[in-house]
C-alpha atoms as a PDB file:
ATOM      1  CA  MET A   1       0.000   0.000   0.000  1.00  0.00           C
ATOM      2  CA  GLY A   2       1.442   3.375  -1.050  1.00  0.00           C
ATOM      3  CA  LYS A   3       1.578   6.371   1.265  1.00  0.00           C
ATOM      4  CA  ILE A   4      -1.391   8.189  -0.326  1.00  0.00           C
ATOM      5  CA  ASP A   5      -3.561   5.047  -0.136  1.00  0.00           C
ATOM      6  CA  ARG A   6      -2.471   4.508   3.479  1.00  0.00           C
ATOM      7  CA  LEU A   7      -3.309   8.086   4.470  1.00  0.00           C
ATOM      8  CA  TYR A   8      -6.763   7.739   2.930  1.00  0.00           C
ATOM      9  CA  ALA A   9      -7.326   4.328   4.527  1.00  0.00           C
ATOM     10  CA  MET A  10      -6.181   5.636   7.913  1.00  0.00           C
ATOM     11  CA  THR A  11      -8.647   8.529   7.722  1.00  0.00           C
ATOM     12  CA  VAL A  12     -11.488   6.136   6.878  1.00  0.00           C
ATOM     13  CA  TYR A  13     -10.423   3.810   9.715  1.00  0.00           C
ATOM     14  CA  LEU A  14     -10.482   6.627  12.279  1.00  0.00           C
ATOM     15  CA  LEU A  15     -13.814   7.840  10.918  1.00  0.00           C
ATOM     16  CA  ASN A  16     -15.385   4.386  11.291  1.00  0.00           C
ATOM     17  CA  ASN A  17     -13.701   3.188  14.479  1.00  0.00           C
ATOM     18  CA  GLY A  18     -13.163   6.274  16.602  1.00  0.00           C
ATOM     19  CA  LYS A  19     -10.019   6.591  18.703  1.00  0.00           C
ATOM     20  CA  ALA A  20      -7.002   4.400  17.884  1.00  0.00           C
ATOM     21  CA  SER A  21      -3.506   4.319  19.349  1.00  0.00           C
ATOM     22  CA  SER A  22      -0.381   4.646  17.213  1.00  0.00           C
ATOM     23  CA  ARG A  23       0.449   1.001  18.017  1.00  0.00           C
ATOM     24  CA  GLU A  24      -2.985  -0.144  16.869  1.00  0.00           C
ATOM     25  CA  LEU A  25      -2.618   1.831  13.637  1.00  0.00           C
ATOM     26  CA  SER A  26       0.887   0.482  13.037  1.00  0.00           C
ATOM     27  CA  GLN A  27      -0.397  -3.082  13.368  1.00  0.00           C
ATOM     28  CA  LYS A  28      -3.397  -2.360  11.161  1.00  0.00           C
ATOM     29  CA  PHE A  29      -1.351  -0.835   8.334  1.00  0.00           C
ATOM     30  CA  GLU A  30       1.818  -2.904   8.881  1.00  0.00           C
ATOM     31  CA  VAL A  31       4.211   0.026   9.295  1.00  0.00           C
ATOM     32  CA  SER A  32       6.282   1.332  12.210  1.00  0.00           C
ATOM     33  CA  VAL A  33       4.892   3.552  14.953  1.00  0.00           C
ATOM     34  CA  ARG A  34       7.247   6.283  13.735  1.00  0.00           C
ATOM     35  CA  THR A  35       5.733   6.058  10.227  1.00  0.00           C
ATOM     36  CA  ILE A  36       2.237   6.378  11.723  1.00  0.00           C
ATOM     37  CA  GLN A  37       3.316   9.526  13.583  1.00  0.00           C
ATOM     38  CA  ARG A  38       4.667  11.016  10.344  1.00  0.00           C
ATOM     39  CA  ASP A  39       1.416  10.073   8.570  1.00  0.00           C
ATOM     40  CA  ILE A  40      -0.648  11.801  11.276  1.00  0.00           C
ATOM     41  CA  ASP A  41       1.486  14.943  10.826  1.00  0.00           C
ATOM     42  CA  ALA A  42       0.900  14.775   7.061  1.00  0.00           C
ATOM     43  CA  LEU A  43      -2.863  14.456   7.521  1.00  0.00           C
ATOM     44  CA  CYS A  44      -2.933  17.410   9.905  1.00  0.00           C
ATOM     45  CA  GLN A  45      -0.963  19.524   7.410  1.00  0.00           C
ATOM     46  CA  ALA A  46      -3.511  18.552   4.741  1.00  0.00           C
ATOM     47  CA  GLY A  47      -6.324  19.956   6.902  1.00  0.00           C
ATOM     48  CA  ILE A  48      -7.713  16.708   8.324  1.00  0.00           C
ATOM     49  CA  PRO A  49      -8.763  17.579  11.923  1.00  0.00           C
ATOM     50  CA  ILE A  50      -7.070  14.792  13.896  1.00  0.00           C
ATOM     51  CA  VAL A  51      -7.012  15.163  17.675  1.00  0.00           C
ATOM     52  CA  ALA A  52      -4.141  13.593  19.659  1.00  0.00           C
ATOM     53  CA  GLU A  53      -4.991  12.486  23.197  1.00  0.00           C
ATOM     54  CA  THR A  54      -2.179  11.582  25.581  1.00  0.00           C
ATOM     55  CA  GLY A  55      -2.172   9.206  28.535  1.00  0.00           C
ATOM     56  CA  VAL A  56      -2.703   5.494  29.107  1.00  0.00           C
ATOM     57  CA  HIS A  57      -5.958   5.511  27.166  1.00  0.00           C
ATOM     58  CA  GLY A  58      -4.817   8.064  24.619  1.00  0.00           C
ATOM     59  CA  GLY A  59      -4.764   7.881  20.866  1.00  0.00           C
ATOM     60  CA  TYR A  60      -5.826   9.683  17.708  1.00  0.00           C
ATOM     61  CA  TYR A  61      -9.368  10.494  16.653  1.00  0.00           C
ATOM     62  CA  LEU A  62     -11.147  12.779  14.205  1.00  0.00           C
ATOM     63  CA  ALA A  63     -12.976  15.914  15.291  1.00  0.00           C
ATOM     64  CA  GLU A  64     -16.726  15.330  15.624  1.00  0.00           C
ATOM     65  CA  ASN A  65     -17.713  17.680  12.797  1.00  0.00           C
ATOM     66  CA  PHE A  66     -15.471  15.973  10.219  1.00  0.00           C
ATOM     67  CA  ARG A  67     -17.124  14.306   7.212  1.00  0.00           C
ATOM     68  CA  MET A  68     -15.512  12.608   4.216  1.00  0.00           C
ATOM     69  CA  ASP A  69     -16.038  14.146   0.799  1.00  0.00           C
ATOM     70  CA  ALA A  70     -17.934  11.598  -1.305  1.00  0.00           C
ATOM     71  CA  HIS A  71     -15.671  12.408  -4.260  1.00  0.00           C
ATOM     72  CA  LEU A  72     -12.721  10.811  -2.451  1.00  0.00           C
ATOM     73  CA  ALA A  73     -14.118   7.399  -3.396  1.00  0.00           C
ATOM     74  CA  THR A  74     -12.596   5.936  -6.565  1.00  0.00           C
ATOM     75  CA  ASP A  75     -14.275   4.132  -9.470  1.00  0.00           C
ATOM     76  CA  GLU A  76     -13.018   0.871  -7.979  1.00  0.00           C
ATOM     77  CA  ASP A  77     -14.609   1.754  -4.635  1.00  0.00           C
ATOM     78  CA  TYR A  78     -17.926   2.408  -6.361  1.00  0.00           C
ATOM     79  CA  SER A  79     -17.662  -0.841  -8.317  1.00  0.00           C
ATOM     80  CA  PHE A  80     -17.445  -2.765  -5.018  1.00  0.00           C
ATOM     81  CA  ILE A  81     -20.420  -0.832  -3.631  1.00  0.00           C
ATOM     82  CA  LEU A  82     -22.412  -1.572  -6.786  1.00  0.00           C
ATOM     83  CA  THR A  83     -21.561  -5.277  -6.612  1.00  0.00           C
ATOM     84  CA  ALA A  84     -22.895  -5.449  -3.043  1.00  0.00           C
ATOM     85  CA  LEU A  85     -26.020  -3.452  -3.941  1.00  0.00           C
ATOM     86  CA  LYS A  86     -26.754  -5.654  -6.953  1.00  0.00           C
ATOM     87  CA  GLY A  87     -26.446  -8.734  -4.763  1.00  0.00           C
ATOM     88  CA  PHE A  88     -28.780  -7.144  -2.196  1.00  0.00           C
ATOM     89  CA  HIS A  89     -31.235  -6.250  -4.956  1.00  0.00           C
ATOM     90  CA  SER A  90     -31.170  -9.809  -6.335  1.00  0.00           C
ATOM     91  CA  ALA A  91     -32.158 -11.073  -2.877  1.00  0.00           C
ATOM     92  CA  MET A  92     -34.962  -8.579  -2.183  1.00  0.00           C
ATOM     93  CA  ASN A  93     -36.007  -6.971  -5.488  1.00  0.00           C
ATOM     94  CA  SER A  94     -37.019  -3.839  -3.596  1.00  0.00           C
ATOM     95  CA  PRO A  95     -37.851  -0.577  -5.435  1.00  0.00           C
ATOM     96  CA  ARG A  96     -36.019   1.329  -2.688  1.00  0.00           C
ATOM     97  CA  ILE A  97     -32.851  -0.716  -3.168  1.00  0.00           C
ATOM     98  CA  ASN A  98     -33.147  -0.299  -6.931  1.00  0.00           C
ATOM     99  CA  ALA A  99     -33.392   3.492  -6.529  1.00  0.00           C
ATOM    100  CA  THR A 100     -30.212   3.491  -4.412  1.00  0.00           C
ATOM    101  CA  LEU A 101     -28.531   1.255  -6.980  1.00  0.00           C
ATOM    102  CA  GLU A 102     -29.284   3.725  -9.768  1.00  0.00           C
ATOM    103  CA  LYS A 103     -27.954   6.654  -7.713  1.00  0.00           C
ATOM    104  CA  VAL A 104     -24.635   4.934  -7.020  1.00  0.00           C
ATOM    105  CA  ALA A 105     -24.360   3.657 -10.603  1.00  0.00           C
ATOM    106  CA  SER A 106     -24.503   7.271 -11.827  1.00  0.00           C
ATOM    107  CA  LEU A 107     -21.338   8.092  -9.844  1.00  0.00           C
ATOM    108  CA  THR A 108     -18.975   5.801 -11.738  1.00  0.00           C
ATOM    109  CA  ARG A 109     -18.062   5.094 -15.348  1.00  0.00           C
ATOM    110  CA  ASN A 110     -16.846   1.557 -14.721  1.00  0.00           C
ATOM    111  CA  SER A 111     -18.974  -0.799 -12.613  1.00  0.00           C
ATOM    112  CA  ASP A 112     -17.470  -4.085 -13.825  1.00  0.00           C
ATOM    113  CA  ASN A 113     -15.035  -5.641 -11.349  1.00  0.00           C
ATOM    114  CA  GLY A 114     -15.506  -9.222 -12.502  1.00  0.00           C
ATOM    115  CA  ILE A 115     -17.667 -10.266  -9.539  1.00  0.00           C
ATOM    116  CA  ILE A 116     -21.406 -11.045  -9.542  1.00  0.00           C
ATOM    117  CA  LEU A 117     -23.372 -11.851  -6.364  1.00  0.00           C
ATOM    118  CA  ASP A 118     -26.625 -13.629  -7.253  1.00  0.00           C
ATOM    119  CA  PHE A 119     -28.856 -14.200  -4.205  1.00  0.00           C
ATOM    120  CA  SER A 120     -32.123 -14.486  -6.154  1.00  0.00           C
ATOM    121  CA  VAL A 121     -32.809 -17.863  -4.523  1.00  0.00           C
ATOM    122  CA  LEU A 122     -33.250 -15.989  -1.216  1.00  0.00           C
ATOM    123  CA  ARG A 123     -36.450 -14.332  -2.493  1.00  0.00           C
ATOM    124  CA  GLU A 124     -38.393 -17.582  -2.293  1.00  0.00           C
ATOM    125  CA  GLY A 125     -41.175 -17.358   0.301  1.00  0.00           C
ATOM    126  CA  ASP A 126     -39.605 -14.710   2.541  1.00  0.00           C
ATOM    127  CA  HIS A 127     -40.036 -11.465   0.580  1.00  0.00           C
ATOM    128  CA  GLN A 128     -43.276 -10.373   2.264  1.00  0.00           C
ATOM    129  CA  LEU A 129     -41.923 -11.161   5.742  1.00  0.00           C
ATOM    130  CA  LEU A 130     -38.745  -9.207   5.025  1.00  0.00           C
ATOM    131  CA  GLN A 131     -40.797  -6.167   4.048  1.00  0.00           C
ATOM    132  CA  ILE A 132     -42.937  -6.399   7.198  1.00  0.00           C
ATOM    133  CA  PHE A 133     -39.889  -6.648   9.452  1.00  0.00           C
ATOM    134  CA  GLN A 134     -38.005  -3.857   7.684  1.00  0.00           C
ATOM    135  CA  ASP A 135     -40.988  -1.536   8.118  1.00  0.00           C
ATOM    136  CA  ALA A 136     -41.325  -2.480  11.802  1.00  0.00           C
ATOM    137  CA  ILE A 137     -37.602  -1.947  12.443  1.00  0.00           C
ATOM    138  CA  LYS A 138     -37.692   1.461  10.778  1.00  0.00           C
ATOM    139  CA  ARG A 139     -40.741   2.537  12.792  1.00  0.00           C
ATOM    140  CA  LYS A 140     -39.578   0.772  15.996  1.00  0.00           C
ATOM    141  CA  ASN A 141     -42.800  -1.189  16.314  1.00  0.00           C
ATOM    142  CA  PRO A 142     -43.070  -4.678  17.839  1.00  0.00           C
ATOM    143  CA  VAL A 143     -44.210  -7.583  15.657  1.00  0.00           C
ATOM    144  CA  SER A 144     -46.167 -10.736  16.396  1.00  0.00           C
ATOM    145  CA  PHE A 145     -46.041 -14.049  14.553  1.00  0.00           C
ATOM    146  CA  GLU A 146     -46.801 -17.733  14.946  1.00  0.00           C
ATOM    147  CA  TYR A 147     -43.578 -19.729  15.239  1.00  0.00           C
ATOM    148  CA  THR A 148     -42.785 -23.448  15.069  1.00  0.00           C
ATOM    149  CA  ASN A 149     -39.479 -24.230  16.777  1.00  0.00           C
ATOM    150  CA  ALA A 150     -36.996 -27.065  16.141  1.00  0.00           C
ATOM    151  CA  ASP A 151     -38.958 -29.301  18.543  1.00  0.00           C
ATOM    152  CA  ASN A 152     -42.113 -28.830  16.402  1.00  0.00           C
ATOM    153  CA  ILE A 153     -43.842 -26.735  19.083  1.00  0.00           C
ATOM    154  CA  THR A 154     -45.925 -23.832  17.728  1.00  0.00           C
ATOM    155  CA  ARG A 155     -46.519 -20.668  19.759  1.00  0.00           C
ATOM    156  CA  MET A 156     -47.355 -17.010  19.236  1.00  0.00           C
ATOM    157  CA  HIS A 157     -44.443 -14.628  19.813  1.00  0.00           C
ATOM    158  CA  THR A 158     -44.402 -10.860  20.247  1.00  0.00           C
ATOM    159  CA  VAL A 159     -40.946  -9.316  19.937  1.00  0.00           C
ATOM    160  CA  GLU A 160     -39.099  -6.088  19.207  1.00  0.00           C
ATOM    161  CA  PRO A 161     -37.310  -6.582  15.851  1.00  0.00           C
ATOM    162  CA  ILE A 162     -33.693  -5.443  15.575  1.00  0.00           C
ATOM    163  CA  ALA A 163     -32.579  -6.686  12.133  1.00  0.00           C
ATOM    164  CA  VAL A 164     -33.193  -9.307   9.472  1.00  0.00           C
ATOM    165  CA  VAL A 165     -30.059 -11.405   9.102  1.00  0.00           C
ATOM    166  CA  TYR A 166     -28.947 -13.856   6.425  1.00  0.00           C
ATOM    167  CA  ARG A 167     -26.687 -16.506   7.968  1.00  0.00           C
ATOM    168  CA  TRP A 168     -26.376 -20.281   8.013  1.00  0.00           C
ATOM    169  CA  TYR A 169     -28.071 -20.435   4.561  1.00  0.00           C
ATOM    170  CA  SER A 170     -31.353 -18.880   5.790  1.00  0.00           C
ATOM    171  CA  TRP A 171     -33.045 -15.592   6.701  1.00  0.00           C
ATOM    172  CA  TYR A 172     -33.472 -14.930  10.430  1.00  0.00           C
ATOM    173  CA  LEU A 173     -35.071 -12.201  12.504  1.00  0.00           C
ATOM    174  CA  LEU A 174     -32.897 -10.879  15.328  1.00  0.00           C
ATOM    175  CA  ALA A 175     -35.272  -9.580  17.973  1.00  0.00           C
ATOM    176  CA  TYR A 176     -35.689  -8.768  21.646  1.00  0.00           C
ATOM    177  CA  SER A 177     -38.155 -10.959  23.543  1.00  0.00           C
ATOM    178  CA  VAL A 178     -39.765  -8.998  26.361  1.00  0.00           C
ATOM    179  CA  VAL A 179     -41.057 -12.264  27.873  1.00  0.00           C
ATOM    180  CA  LYS A 180     -37.590 -13.875  27.917  1.00  0.00           C
ATOM    181  CA  ASN A 181     -35.788 -10.568  28.569  1.00  0.00           C
ATOM    182  CA  ASP A 182     -33.183 -11.614  26.027  1.00  0.00           C
ATOM    183  CA  TYR A 183     -32.241 -11.388  22.353  1.00  0.00           C
ATOM    184  CA  ARG A 184     -33.252 -14.316  20.143  1.00  0.00           C
ATOM    185  CA  THR A 185     -33.070 -15.294  16.463  1.00  0.00           C
ATOM    186  CA  TYR A 186     -36.129 -16.651  14.668  1.00  0.00           C
ATOM    187  CA  LYS A 187     -35.999 -18.460  11.328  1.00  0.00           C
ATOM    188  CA  LEU A 188     -38.334 -16.818   8.809  1.00  0.00           C
ATOM    189  CA  THR A 189     -39.366 -20.100   7.162  1.00  0.00           C
ATOM    190  CA  ARG A 190     -40.851 -21.215  10.505  1.00  0.00           C
ATOM    191  CA  MET A 191     -43.107 -18.134  10.782  1.00  0.00           C
ATOM    192  CA  THR A 192     -46.720 -17.487   9.789  1.00  0.00           C
ATOM    193  CA  SER A 193     -49.267 -14.729  10.424  1.00  0.00           C
ATOM    194  CA  ALA A 194     -46.688 -11.983  10.970  1.00  0.00           C
ATOM    195  CA  LYS A 195     -48.028  -8.487  11.628  1.00  0.00           C
ATOM    196  CA  ILE A 196     -46.876  -5.136  12.969  1.00  0.00           C
ATOM    197  CA  ILE A 197     -48.239  -4.034  16.350  1.00  0.00           C
ATOM    198  CA  ASP A 198     -49.142  -0.390  16.873  1.00  0.00           C
ATOM    199  CA  ALA A 199     -46.960   0.163  19.935  1.00  0.00           C
ATOM    200  CA  ALA A 200     -43.463   1.363  20.807  1.00  0.00           C
ATOM    201  CA  PHE A 201     -40.330  -0.518  21.861  1.00  0.00           C
ATOM    202  CA  THR A 202     -39.929  -0.939  25.617  1.00  0.00           C
ATOM    203  CA  GLU A 203     -36.288   0.233  25.477  1.00  0.00           C
ATOM    204  CA  GLU A 204     -33.456   1.419  23.251  1.00  0.00           C
ATOM    205  CA  HIS A 205     -31.375  -1.407  21.776  1.00  0.00           C
ATOM    206  CA  LYS A 206     -27.747  -1.657  20.725  1.00  0.00           C
ATOM    207  CA  SER A 207     -26.821  -2.121  17.076  1.00  0.00           C
ATOM    208  CA  ALA A 208     -27.531  -5.504  15.492  1.00  0.00           C
ATOM    209  CA  GLU A 209     -23.785  -6.138  15.015  1.00  0.00           C
ATOM    210  CA  GLU A 210     -23.075  -5.592  18.718  1.00  0.00           C
ATOM    211  CA  ILE A 211     -25.949  -7.850  19.791  1.00  0.00           C
ATOM    212  CA  LEU A 212     -24.940 -10.650  17.417  1.00  0.00           C
ATOM    213  CA  ASN A 213     -21.307 -10.479  18.523  1.00  0.00           C
ATOM    214  CA  GLU A 214     -22.266 -10.553  22.203  1.00  0.00           C
ATOM    215  CA  ASN A 215     -24.665 -13.482  21.697  1.00  0.00           C
ATOM    216  CA  ASP A 216     -22.205 -15.431  19.555  1.00  0.00           C
ATOM    217  CA  ASN A 217     -19.497 -14.994  22.187  1.00  0.00           C
ATOM    218  CA  LYS A 218     -21.889 -15.820  25.021  1.00  0.00           C
ATOM    219  CA  MET A 219     -23.334 -18.945  23.431  1.00  0.00           C
ATOM    220  CA  PRO A 220     -21.058 -20.139  20.608  1.00  0.00           C
ATOM    221  CA  PRO A 221     -22.553 -23.049  18.635  1.00  0.00           C
ATOM    222  CA  LYS A 222     -21.488 -26.425  19.984  1.00  0.00           C
ATOM    223  CA  HIS A 223     -19.922 -28.574  17.284  1.00  0.00           C
ATOM    224  CA  THR A 224     -19.896 -32.368  17.435  1.00  0.00           C
ATOM    225  CA  GLU A 225     -17.050 -34.290  15.798  1.00  0.00           C
ATOM    226  CA  ILE A 226     -18.175 -37.223  13.660  1.00  0.00           C
ATOM    227  CA  ILE A 227     -15.859 -39.966  12.426  1.00  0.00           C
ATOM    228  CA  ALA A 228     -17.063 -41.544   9.181  1.00  0.00           C
ATOM    229  CA  HIS A 229     -15.969 -43.929   6.436  1.00  0.00           C
ATOM    230  CA  CYS A 230     -16.848 -42.650   2.982  1.00  0.00           C
ATOM    231  CA  LYS A 231     -17.013 -44.602  -0.261  1.00  0.00           C
ATOM    232  CA  SER A 232     -15.304 -43.120  -3.313  1.00  0.00           C
ATOM    233  CA  GLU A 233     -18.578 -42.269  -5.079  1.00  0.00           C
ATOM    234  CA  ALA A 234     -19.793 -40.193  -2.102  1.00  0.00           C
ATOM    235  CA  ARG A 235     -16.592 -38.412  -1.065  1.00  0.00           C
ATOM    236  CA  ALA A 236     -17.014 -35.380  -3.347  1.00  0.00           C
ATOM    237  CA  LYS A 237     -20.519 -34.665  -1.977  1.00  0.00           C
ATOM    238  CA  ALA A 238     -19.380 -35.257   1.604  1.00  0.00           C
ATOM    239  CA  ILE A 239     -16.607 -32.701   1.142  1.00  0.00           C
ATOM    240  CA  GLU A 240     -18.859 -30.178  -0.633  1.00  0.00           C
ATOM    241  CA  TYR A 241     -21.994 -30.378   1.514  1.00  0.00           C
ATOM    242  CA  LEU A 242     -20.711 -31.657   4.865  1.00  0.00           C
ATOM    243  CA  ASN A 243     -17.274 -29.972   4.868  1.00  0.00           C
ATOM    244  CA  GLY A 244     -15.703 -33.378   5.346  1.00  0.00           C
ATOM    245  CA  ILE A 245     -11.992 -33.440   6.187  1.00  0.00           C
ATOM    246  CA  ILE A 246     -10.166 -36.500   4.855  1.00  0.00           C
ATOM    247  CA  THR A 247      -7.990 -38.175   7.495  1.00  0.00           C
ATOM    248  CA  CYS A 248      -7.074 -41.367   5.645  1.00  0.00           C
ATOM    249  CA  GLU A 249      -7.237 -42.476   1.975  1.00  0.00           C
ATOM    250  CA  TYR A 250      -7.353 -46.014   0.626  1.00  0.00           C
ATOM    251  CA  ASP A 251      -6.170 -47.471  -2.677  1.00  0.00           C
ATOM    252  CA  ASN A 252      -9.772 -47.837  -3.943  1.00  0.00           C
ATOM    253  CA  LYS A 253     -10.369 -44.060  -3.331  1.00  0.00           C
ATOM    254  CA  ASP A 254     -12.509 -44.696  -0.246  1.00  0.00           C
ATOM    255  CA  CYS A 255     -11.536 -42.537   2.715  1.00  0.00           C
ATOM    256  CA  ASP A 256     -12.036 -41.839   6.404  1.00  0.00           C
ATOM    257  CA  MET A 257     -13.359 -38.383   7.279  1.00  0.00           C
ATOM    258  CA  LYS A 258     -14.022 -36.036  10.149  1.00  0.00           C
ATOM    259  CA  LEU A 259     -17.206 -33.961  10.073  1.00  0.00           C
ATOM    260  CA  TYR A 260     -18.015 -31.111  12.464  1.00  0.00           C
ATOM    261  CA  VAL A 261     -21.753 -30.473  12.857  1.00  0.00           C
ATOM    262  CA  ILE A 262     -24.186 -28.548  15.054  1.00  0.00           C
ATOM    263  CA  GLU A 263     -26.485 -31.274  16.296  1.00  0.00           C
ATOM    264  CA  ASN A 264     -29.738 -29.300  16.502  1.00  0.00           C
ATOM    265  CA  GLU A 265     -29.406 -28.112  12.886  1.00  0.00           C
ATOM    266  CA  HIS A 266     -31.136 -30.384  10.399  1.00  0.00           C
ATOM    267  CA  LEU A 267     -29.547 -29.523   7.056  1.00  0.00           C
ATOM    268  CA  TRP A 268     -26.414 -31.638   7.570  1.00  0.00           C
ATOM    269  CA  PHE A 269     -28.413 -34.628   8.815  1.00  0.00           C
ATOM    270  CA  GLY A 270     -30.653 -34.614   5.747  1.00  0.00           C
ATOM    271  CA  MET A 271     -27.587 -34.486   3.511  1.00  0.00           C
ATOM    272  CA  LEU A 272     -26.013 -37.334   5.486  1.00  0.00           C
ATOM    273  CA  LEU A 273     -29.094 -39.498   4.938  1.00  0.00           C
ATOM    274  CA  SER A 274     -29.153 -38.614   1.236  1.00  0.00           C
ATOM    275  CA  LEU A 275     -25.714 -40.208   0.813  1.00  0.00           C
ATOM    276  CA  GLY A 276     -27.263 -43.581   1.754  1.00  0.00           C
ATOM    277  CA  ASP A 277     -24.742 -46.382   2.015  1.00  0.00           C
ATOM    278  CA  GLY A 278     -22.044 -44.122   0.582  1.00  0.00           C
ATOM    279  CA  ILE A 279     -21.079 -43.027   4.082  1.00  0.00           C
ATOM    280  CA  GLU A 280     -20.984 -44.894   7.393  1.00  0.00           C
ATOM    281  CA  ILE A 281     -20.843 -43.213  10.787  1.00  0.00           C
ATOM    282  CA  LYS A 282     -18.237 -44.806  13.029  1.00  0.00           C
ATOM    283  CA  ALA A 283     -18.501 -42.466  16.019  1.00  0.00           C
ATOM    284  CA  PRO A 284     -19.999 -41.047  18.162  1.00  0.00           C
ATOM    285  CA  GLU A 285     -22.444 -43.815  19.000  1.00  0.00           C
ATOM    286  CA  HIS A 286     -25.470 -41.539  19.517  1.00  0.00           C
ATOM    287  CA  ILE A 287     -25.152 -40.100  15.989  1.00  0.00           C
ATOM    288  CA  ARG A 288     -24.765 -43.606  14.586  1.00  0.00           C
ATOM    289  CA  ASN A 289     -27.942 -44.661  16.448  1.00  0.00           C
ATOM    290  CA  ARG A 290     -29.777 -41.564  15.204  1.00  0.00           C
ATOM    291  CA  VAL A 291     -29.030 -42.527  11.590  1.00  0.00           C
ATOM    292  CA  LEU A 292     -30.063 -46.111  12.286  1.00  0.00           C
ATOM    293  CA  GLU A 293     -33.392 -45.071  13.832  1.00  0.00           C
ATOM    294  CA  SER A 294     -34.161 -42.720  10.929  1.00  0.00           C
ATOM    295  CA  ALA A 295     -33.390 -45.523   8.454  1.00  0.00           C
ATOM    296  CA  LYS A 296     -35.732 -47.883  10.326  1.00  0.00           C
ATOM    297  CA  GLU A 297     -38.537 -45.303  10.264  1.00  0.00           C
ATOM    298  CA  ILE A 298     -38.110 -44.791   6.509  1.00  0.00           C
ATOM    299  CA  ILE A 299     -38.135 -48.558   5.875  1.00  0.00           C
ATOM    300  CA  ALA A 300     -41.235 -49.012   8.071  1.00  0.00           C
ATOM    301  CA  LEU A 301     -43.025 -46.267   6.157  1.00  0.00           C
ATOM    302  CA  TYR A 302     -42.410 -47.819   2.756  1.00  0.00           C
ATOM    303  CA  GLN A 303     -43.134 -51.362   3.909  1.00  0.00           C
ATOM    304  CA  LYS A 304     -46.721 -50.261   4.563  1.00  0.00           C
ATOM    305  CA  LEU A 305     -47.233 -49.639   0.859  1.00  0.00           C
END
């Protein structure tokens, strides 16, 4: 990274992250502390209002009234923004997103960076729910919906929506449950009868990013290690869909694998069953028994016919 690019990037970093020490900046931009100090001097001489605070908790930060000039963004910057917006638009097909897309597209002559994000598959079934939740989040209104959980229990929920989140291959609603006095995620495909309630939130909430980070750190997903033997004809699918890690290969192209799964998620288990006799669970015993019981239930079902 050249000096000009580093000075620009440093300004953006301070604008987005607030105060940062010279050591933090030197690690971020992979230069010496002395170079950072010279860069700060250069930015100050260029009229960028950087405040230096001394002491144990000191550092550099930008004056509160400072704003970046939009024209400092390059065509390449805009091409990345456009790529993200096009991907967002493919997922939601919203007139509001399309209007933003057209505004940004008018700011650059070259929008082709060789990357296309196509999330059109995410529109299926969830578009109306997404619109309801976005409107409720903007207006800070609670929402109610009927929800069927992983244990097949259906209840009505009333929550304060924080954000709609796409993760783990599905759309989720991040929301605050007044009843549970905690933040929860709800899978959109398990919802029905969603509606906005004409009321206000009970309290101010942190940003969605902060809440997700806190919850992920508080309750990280518990992964179970599975030991499996995989036949040659199933190994490619096991690697692609189950993230299988080969631990031993045999002359006939069969292999032993390790799989790491979240037990209460169902996608991996369905894929495991779809591989049939192409994969055999060796351990742990309770996963092996779970596959066996599911196989027995399937056989019993078809023997009735």
